[in-house]
Structures are given as C-alpha cells and as structure tokens.
Protein backbone atom coordinates (compact mmCIF):
# COMPACT_ATOMS: atom_id res chain seq x y z
CA MET A 1 7.03 -7.99 -16.00
CA PHE A 2 8.88 -8.81 -12.43
CA THR A 3 6.55 -9.66 -9.61
CA LEU A 4 7.56 -9.37 -6.03
CA LEU A 5 5.88 -12.34 -5.04
CA ALA A 6 8.26 -14.55 -7.11
CA LEU A 7 10.90 -14.11 -4.11
CA VAL A 8 8.86 -15.25 -1.20
CA VAL A 9 8.53 -19.21 -1.38
CA LEU A 10 4.65 -19.83 -0.24
CA SER A 11 5.67 -23.52 1.06
CA GLY A 12 6.58 -25.07 4.06
CA HIS A 13 37.70 -12.55 -2.75
CA ARG A 14 39.06 -10.36 -1.20
CA ALA A 15 39.55 -9.05 2.61
CA GLU A 16 38.22 -5.65 1.71
CA ALA A 17 34.85 -7.18 -0.01
CA ALA A 18 33.64 -9.50 3.35
CA PHE A 19 34.54 -10.53 6.82
CA ASP A 20 37.96 -11.43 7.23
CA TYR A 21 38.04 -14.66 9.04
CA ALA A 22 41.34 -15.36 8.18
CA ARG A 23 43.28 -12.73 10.53
CA TYR A 24 41.38 -14.12 13.74
CA LYS A 25 43.91 -16.60 15.18
CA GLU A 26 42.52 -20.02 16.53
CA ALA A 27 42.98 -19.80 20.52
CA GLY A 28 41.41 -21.49 23.15
CA LEU A 29 39.08 -19.71 26.10
CA ASP A 30 40.99 -21.15 28.83
CA ASP A 31 44.09 -19.87 27.81
CA LEU A 32 42.92 -16.60 27.43
CA LEU A 33 41.46 -16.73 30.65
CA ALA A 34 45.07 -18.32 32.25
CA LEU A 35 46.66 -14.86 31.23
CA PRO A 36 48.02 -12.59 33.64
CA ARG A 37 45.67 -9.89 35.13
CA PRO A 38 46.18 -6.80 36.62
CA ALA A 39 45.34 -6.41 40.45
CA LYS A 40 43.75 -3.54 39.92
CA GLY A 41 42.98 -1.26 36.98
CA VAL A 42 42.94 -2.41 33.48
CA ASP A 43 45.57 -3.73 30.27
CA ILE A 44 44.76 -1.97 27.16
CA LYS A 45 45.31 -4.29 24.47
CA THR A 46 45.67 -3.43 20.92
CA GLY A 47 42.84 -5.78 19.59
CA ALA A 48 44.84 -9.13 18.75
CA PRO A 49 41.59 -11.01 16.87
CA PHE A 50 40.98 -14.23 17.99
CA LYS A 51 38.81 -17.28 16.96
CA LEU A 52 37.31 -19.52 19.89
CA GLU A 53 35.46 -22.54 20.27
CA VAL A 54 32.86 -22.16 22.90
CA ILE A 55 29.75 -23.12 24.39
CA LEU A 56 26.50 -20.33 24.55
CA ALA A 57 26.07 -20.27 28.28
CA SER A 58 23.18 -17.26 28.41
CA ALA A 59 21.93 -15.25 25.53
CA GLY A 60 22.48 -12.51 27.68
CA GLY A 61 20.94 -8.88 26.99
CA PRO A 62 22.04 -5.32 27.49
CA CYS A 63 25.15 -4.52 29.42
CA GLN A 64 27.37 -1.64 30.18
CA THR A 65 29.90 -0.86 27.34
CA GLY A 66 31.20 2.63 28.01
CA PHE A 67 34.45 1.50 29.45
CA LEU A 68 34.81 -0.75 26.31
CA LYS A 69 34.50 2.34 23.69
CA LYS A 70 36.73 3.77 26.19
CA SER A 71 39.42 1.46 26.14
CA MET A 72 38.88 1.09 22.61
CA ALA A 73 39.71 4.90 21.86
CA MET A 74 42.63 4.23 23.52
CA SER A 75 44.06 1.80 21.67
CA GLY A 76 43.49 3.65 18.84
CA PHE A 77 40.11 2.30 17.16
CA ASP A 78 38.93 4.56 14.37
CA GLN A 79 34.66 5.72 14.88
CA VAL A 80 34.42 4.46 18.43
CA GLU A 81 31.16 6.28 18.82
CA LYS A 82 30.08 5.03 15.52
CA LEU A 83 30.13 1.45 16.68
CA GLY A 84 27.00 -0.04 17.79
CA VAL A 85 27.42 -2.61 20.88
CA SER A 86 25.17 -2.56 23.57
CA ASN A 87 24.86 -6.27 24.22
CA CYS A 88 26.67 -9.01 26.22
CA ILE A 89 26.54 -12.79 26.01
CA THR A 90 28.12 -15.60 28.67
CA VAL A 91 30.09 -18.43 26.86
CA ARG A 92 31.34 -20.96 28.68
CA SER A 93 35.17 -23.21 27.49
CA SER A 94 35.83 -26.86 26.95
CA LYS A 95 36.73 -27.11 31.05
CA GLY A 96 33.48 -25.41 31.99
CA ARG A 97 34.64 -21.87 33.06
CA GLU A 98 32.57 -18.64 32.19
CA LEU A 99 33.14 -15.43 30.35
CA LYS A 100 30.97 -12.30 29.64
CA VAL A 101 31.45 -10.86 26.32
CA PHE A 102 30.20 -7.88 24.05
CA VAL A 103 28.74 -8.56 21.16
CA GLN A 104 28.40 -6.45 18.27
CA ASP A 105 24.52 -5.00 17.89
CA ILE A 106 24.26 -5.82 14.32
CA VAL A 107 26.04 -9.42 15.36
CA TYR A 108 23.46 -9.92 18.29
CA GLY A 109 20.41 -9.29 16.24
CA PHE A 110 21.32 -12.79 14.58
CA LEU A 111 23.54 -14.80 17.24
CA PRO A 112 20.41 -15.63 20.02
CA ARG A 113 17.82 -16.52 17.23
CA GLU A 114 20.41 -18.95 15.83
CA VAL A 115 22.32 -20.30 18.78
CA LYS A 116 20.22 -22.09 21.46
CA VAL A 117 21.89 -22.08 25.03
CA GLY A 118 24.17 -25.13 25.38
CA GLY A 119 24.99 -25.14 21.64
CA LYS A 120 28.28 -24.64 20.15
CA LEU A 121 29.39 -21.65 18.24
CA THR A 122 32.36 -20.39 16.59
CA LEU A 123 33.31 -16.47 17.71
CA TYR A 124 35.53 -14.08 16.06
CA ALA A 125 36.49 -11.58 18.85
CA VAL A 126 38.77 -9.40 19.28
CA HIS A 127 40.81 -8.31 22.45
CA ILE A 128 40.16 -4.93 23.74
CA TYR A 129 41.70 -4.89 27.45
CA THR A 130 41.87 -7.13 30.31
CA SER A 131 40.91 -6.46 34.15
CA ALA A 132 41.07 -8.30 37.06
CA GLU A 133 37.53 -10.28 35.82
CA GLY A 134 40.06 -11.20 32.74
CA PRO A 135 39.83 -10.26 29.05
CA GLY A 136 37.57 -8.06 27.51
CA LEU A 137 36.47 -9.39 24.38
CA LEU A 138 34.34 -7.96 21.56
CA VAL A 139 32.43 -9.96 19.32
CA ASN A 140 32.40 -9.28 15.42
CA GLU A 141 31.32 -12.66 13.75
CA PHE A 142 30.07 -15.95 14.62
CA GLN A 143 29.39 -19.24 12.88
CA THR A 144 27.62 -22.58 14.36
CA VAL A 145 27.49 -26.01 12.63
CA GLN A 146 24.16 -26.43 14.11
CA PRO A 147 21.69 -23.48 13.47
CA ALA A 148 18.17 -23.25 15.33
CA ALA A 149 15.59 -25.05 14.10
CA PRO A 150 13.53 -22.34 12.10
CA ALA A 151 10.36 -21.41 13.54
CA GLN A 152 6.95 -22.69 11.97
CA GLN A 153 5.96 -19.23 10.26
CA GLN A 154 4.19 -18.28 7.46
CA PRO A 155 5.04 -15.38 4.77
CA SER A 156 2.60 -12.34 4.72
CA GLU A 157 2.00 -10.90 1.01
CA ALA A 158 5.26 -9.10 -0.29
CA GLY A 159 5.74 -5.15 -0.04
CA MET A 160 7.64 -2.48 -0.42
CA ALA A 161 10.01 -1.23 2.84
CA SER A 162 13.71 -0.08 3.60
CA CYS A 163 15.84 -2.68 4.34
CA GLY A 164 18.87 0.65 5.01
CA CYS A 165 21.55 -1.13 2.57
CA TRP A 166 22.14 2.18 0.78
CA SER A 167 20.36 5.63 0.72
CA LEU A 168 17.13 5.72 -1.30
CA ARG A 169 18.67 7.77 -3.75
CA ASP A 170 21.49 4.97 -4.55
CA HIS A 171 18.69 2.26 -4.10
CA PRO A 172 20.32 -0.14 -6.71
CA GLY A 173 17.10 -2.88 -6.49
CA ILE A 174 14.06 -3.35 -4.53
CA ASP A 175 13.38 -4.44 -0.75
CA VAL A 176 10.96 -6.82 -0.44
CA ASP A 177 8.68 -7.26 3.01
CA ALA A 178 8.71 -11.04 4.00
CA GLY A 179 6.17 -10.04 6.70
CA THR A 180 8.05 -11.93 9.17
CA GLU A 181 11.56 -13.36 10.57
CA GLY A 182 12.42 -16.74 8.76
CA ALA A 183 9.97 -16.73 6.27
CA PRO A 184 11.32 -18.30 3.06
CA ILE A 185 13.08 -16.94 0.25
CA GLY A 186 13.11 -18.40 -3.12
CA VAL A 187 14.76 -18.11 -6.43
CA MET A 188 13.47 -15.84 -9.05
CA GLU A 189 14.33 -18.17 -12.11
CA ASP A 190 16.66 -21.34 -12.70
CA GLY A 191 20.19 -20.55 -11.93
CA VAL A 192 23.51 -21.91 -10.24
CA VAL A 193 24.77 -20.04 -7.13
CA VAL A 194 28.08 -17.75 -7.66
CA LYS A 195 28.44 -16.12 -4.70
CA VAL A 196 27.29 -16.88 -1.02
CA GLU A 197 28.36 -14.11 1.78
CA ALA A 198 27.87 -15.40 5.34
CA ALA A 199 29.03 -12.55 7.49
CA ASP A 200 25.93 -10.74 8.64
CA GLN A 201 28.01 -7.49 8.31
CA ALA A 202 29.88 -7.96 4.93
CA PRO A 203 31.15 -4.36 4.54
CA ALA A 204 32.63 -2.97 1.14
CA ASP A 205 34.21 0.21 0.02
CA LEU A 206 32.09 0.34 -2.86
CA PRO A 207 28.60 1.63 -2.08
CA LEU A 208 26.44 -0.32 -4.99
CA VAL A 209 28.08 -4.04 -3.75
CA GLY A 210 28.43 -4.40 -0.13
CA GLY A 211 26.71 -2.71 3.06
CA CYS A 212 23.84 -5.11 3.13
CA GLY A 213 24.75 -8.38 5.23
CA ARG A 214 24.37 -11.96 4.20
CA TYR A 215 23.47 -12.66 0.77
CA VAL A 216 23.44 -14.97 -1.97
CA VAL A 217 24.10 -14.49 -6.01
CA LEU A 218 22.59 -16.33 -8.51
CA LYS A 219 23.84 -16.61 -12.40
CA HIS A 220 20.95 -17.35 -14.69
CA SER A 221 21.78 -18.78 -18.03
CA TYR A 222 18.79 -18.16 -20.92
CA PRO A 223 18.41 -20.47 -24.16
CA ASN A 224 19.09 -17.11 -26.20
CA GLY A 225 22.51 -16.92 -24.58
CA ALA A 226 21.41 -14.13 -22.33
CA VAL A 227 23.04 -13.91 -18.61
CA LEU A 228 21.19 -12.49 -16.01
CA PHE A 229 22.63 -12.14 -12.15
CA THR A 230 20.52 -12.03 -8.95
CA ARG A 231 20.89 -11.17 -5.62
CA TYR A 232 19.44 -11.98 -2.55
CA ALA A 233 20.82 -9.85 0.56
CA HIS A 234 20.06 -8.44 3.42
CA LEU A 235 19.25 -12.33 5.02
CA GLY A 236 18.88 -14.33 8.07
CA ARG A 237 20.04 -17.82 7.71
CA LEU A 238 21.70 -19.06 4.85
CA VAL A 239 19.24 -22.31 4.60
CA ASP A 240 17.89 -24.21 1.46
CA GLY A 241 14.92 -26.13 1.69
CA LYS A 242 16.84 -29.13 2.91
CA GLY A 243 17.99 -26.95 5.73
CA GLU A 244 21.75 -26.99 4.36
CA MET A 245 23.70 -23.76 3.57
CA PRO A 246 23.93 -22.97 -0.03
CA ALA A 247 27.15 -23.58 -1.75
CA VAL A 248 28.91 -22.30 -4.87
CA GLY A 249 28.14 -24.27 -7.49
CA ALA A 250 24.54 -25.63 -6.34
CA ARG A 251 21.68 -25.59 -8.83
CA PHE A 252 18.37 -24.42 -7.94
CA LYS A 253 14.77 -24.36 -9.53
CA ARG A 254 12.42 -21.63 -9.59
CA GLY A 255 11.10 -20.90 -6.46
CA GLU A 256 13.02 -23.12 -4.59
CA LYS A 257 13.91 -22.13 -1.03
CA ILE A 258 17.59 -20.47 -0.92
CA ALA A 259 17.55 -18.50 2.34
CA GLU A 260 15.09 -16.80 5.02
CA ALA A 261 14.07 -13.77 6.21
CA GLY A 262 16.33 -11.95 8.76
CA PRO A 263 15.04 -10.04 11.97
CA GLY A 264 14.30 -7.15 10.10
CA LYS A 265 11.85 -9.08 7.81
CA ILE A 266 13.56 -7.27 4.66
CA MET A 267 15.20 -8.99 1.67
CA HIS A 268 16.84 -6.45 -0.74
CA PHE A 269 16.73 -7.99 -3.90
CA GLU A 270 18.71 -7.27 -7.46
CA LEU A 271 18.69 -7.52 -11.12
CA ARG A 272 21.91 -7.54 -12.64
CA PRO A 273 21.97 -8.33 -16.38
CA VAL A 274 25.03 -8.83 -18.83
CA ALA A 275 24.42 -6.50 -21.38
CA GLN A 276 25.78 -4.19 -23.71
CA GLY A 277 27.16 -1.21 -21.67
CA ASN A 278 25.75 -2.51 -18.84
CA ALA A 279 29.47 -3.37 -17.20
CA THR A 280 30.89 -0.77 -14.76
CA VAL A 281 33.48 1.30 -15.68
CA ASP A 282 34.22 2.75 -12.13
CA SER A 283 38.09 2.30 -11.12
CA GLY A 284 37.73 1.61 -7.74
CA TRP A 285 35.91 -1.68 -8.83
CA THR A 286 38.90 -2.89 -11.35
CA LYS A 287 41.47 -1.89 -8.42
CA GLN A 288 39.52 -4.15 -5.89
CA TYR A 289 37.43 -6.65 -7.74
CA ASP A 290 38.86 -7.40 -11.18
CA GLY A 291 40.10 -11.03 -11.52
CA ILE A 292 38.25 -12.04 -8.43
CA ALA A 293 35.95 -14.90 -9.86
CA ASP A 294 32.96 -14.72 -7.08
CA MET A 295 32.76 -10.73 -7.43
CA GLU A 296 32.29 -11.01 -11.24
CA TRP A 297 28.73 -10.21 -10.99
CA SER A 298 29.07 -6.68 -9.05
CA ARG A 299 30.67 -5.69 -12.28
CA TYR A 300 27.13 -5.19 -13.74
CA GLU A 301 24.99 -2.25 -12.89
CA PRO A 302 21.75 -3.28 -10.91
CA VAL A 303 18.48 -2.29 -12.99
CA ASP A 304 15.03 -1.69 -11.21
CA PRO A 305 13.04 -5.04 -11.67
CA ARG A 306 9.70 -3.53 -11.51
CA LYS A 307 10.89 -1.95 -14.90
CA PHE A 308 13.01 -4.91 -16.01
CA ASP A 309 11.29 -8.14 -18.08
CA PRO A 310 13.60 -11.23 -17.48
CA ASP A 311 11.38 -13.27 -19.84
CA ALA A 312 11.82 -11.07 -22.73
CA PHE A 313 15.36 -10.11 -21.80
CA GLY A 314 16.02 -14.36 -22.00
CA GLY A 315 13.95 -14.75 -25.15
CA LEU A 316 11.45 -16.97 -23.19
CA GLY A 317 8.25 -14.66 -23.92
CA LYS A 318 5.24 -14.15 -21.61
CA ARG A 319 4.96 -16.97 -18.72
CA GLY A 320 2.84 -16.45 -15.91
CA LYS A 321 4.49 -15.56 -12.80
C-alpha cells in the first residue's frame, strides 16, 4: 500500500485553467509613473493589466486597502469583498523611482520568501486608479529568475492535515504535513513531468482540477502497460535537487526532489490511474480541456492513495516503501 513518507524526501492550455500571463501587456514602471495625475481626487481605471520588470525595494507588510477595494467596486470588479488584499510592497524602477503597490494575500504569502530585497522580479498587476501620488496597482502574480536560496530545514514525519484546496467531502486525494516550509517533496515513483503549474493561484472552473495553487503532475508507465498520474499540489518553490524548476518532459527517479513545501507546510497529493471506468464523463471537462495535451491527466478521476496499491496496479508485486 502507499505510504505518506514516500512523498517527503528525507535528504538534503487554456486561460481558464491557469493564470493568464498572456493578457498582461509589457510596460515600464517609469512610463506608468509618468502618466498624468489628477490634482485632487482620483481617476478610476478599468484595471488595465501590465507586466512590469522591477526591483523589490521593500518587502512591506500590512497597509490600508479600503480605497483600493472601493475603486475596484467602482470599476465594476466582481466579488471585491471576497478578495484578500491586506499587504503592500515597495518596488523600484530602472531609473530608481519607487512606488508602493498592493499585493493579493495569496501572492504575498510567497513573494517575500522567494525574492530578497534588492532582487529583480516580474510583476503581473492591474491598474485600478491614479491619484496625485501615482498609479494604484494591484499585483496578481509574480515571477523571479533567481529565487532565494532555500532555508536549511529538515522535514518532520508526514501526517494528515487540511490544505483547504477543496471541501473535505469532495477531497480527491490526501494532504501531507511536510513539517516545515521549504521541506523537499519527493516523487512517488519513476516518471516524466507532463504538467507544471507555476501560478500560486491557479484557478479553474472544475472543482476537482483547480484551486490548489502551484502543482506538478507526473506520468508513470509500468512494465505491464499500466499508466498512473500523480499530482503534487499546494506547493511552495518549484525546484528540483539542482535548484532548477522542473520542466515538462523531465524525468525523475523515485524519491527525487521535485519541489518544496509552501508557507502552509501542507502538500496535497493525488493518484489518478488510467483504468477502465475511471475517465470523467463530465461535459464541463470535455468543453474546457478536451484536446489540451497538458490537461489530459485530469481526465482520470483521483482515487484514495490510502486504499490504492500502485505496485499491484503496475504489476510490480510487493516492494519496500
């Protein structure tokens, strides 16, 4: 039977399915800062999306966001009250000009941990309003070419907890307590990467596919012809044992590090066997994902890892876990 400890290394598309990077137009922070400003009051914008290359001047912290949310409501944004925004960071342009920007809480949970002050990063932000102080930007996602070095942390024994990805009633997998943020996550079995979701929000319309942040999916092909997909979700940094982001097509050996636990310290794990009667018949899935190669894994329903024997499924017999 499957064991939770196998997941924690004890050593050293379509736009609806993920964050839509393509809709963010490249712009310079200096250009935005040079835009006309009202002498008094504010100009409400329509949420124009921008991709900005900046330097982190300050990791910031809690800030006043009441006016931001009011401006968003006036711009026609839906579900403003449900949007978690309570922090700001300060960024610096190529010419040394600085601006305080708002950051969604789910993004802020990762950003200060992955980007050092003075480090370069790419922001994906929307322009909500312009005041006499400058543009009011809300950061929805970020990327950094040089992530901060991982802390020297040792994982504790794996256990069970709730990562909050789905309701427990519909939970298609298990949650593994990695013990500490940054704990290395190892793959269950030899396999090849078929999907990498780098956005920490990663929303989706289908409840059994999205809603669990950054994740990696591997395909495992067994000697008897059986195929099994595994998904490692709700992750922190997506880095392998060499400190590089895993790429589609990369091969991993059993137990090799593929990622790290996030701030919540919980890794969500799924097993999806390719078996007769296990493919979804949901019309919503067909409409959204049919024909999209890197979402084919989600066609197959997850099974309870505590009751499923991958070795027996793959014809490997009994092995030590």
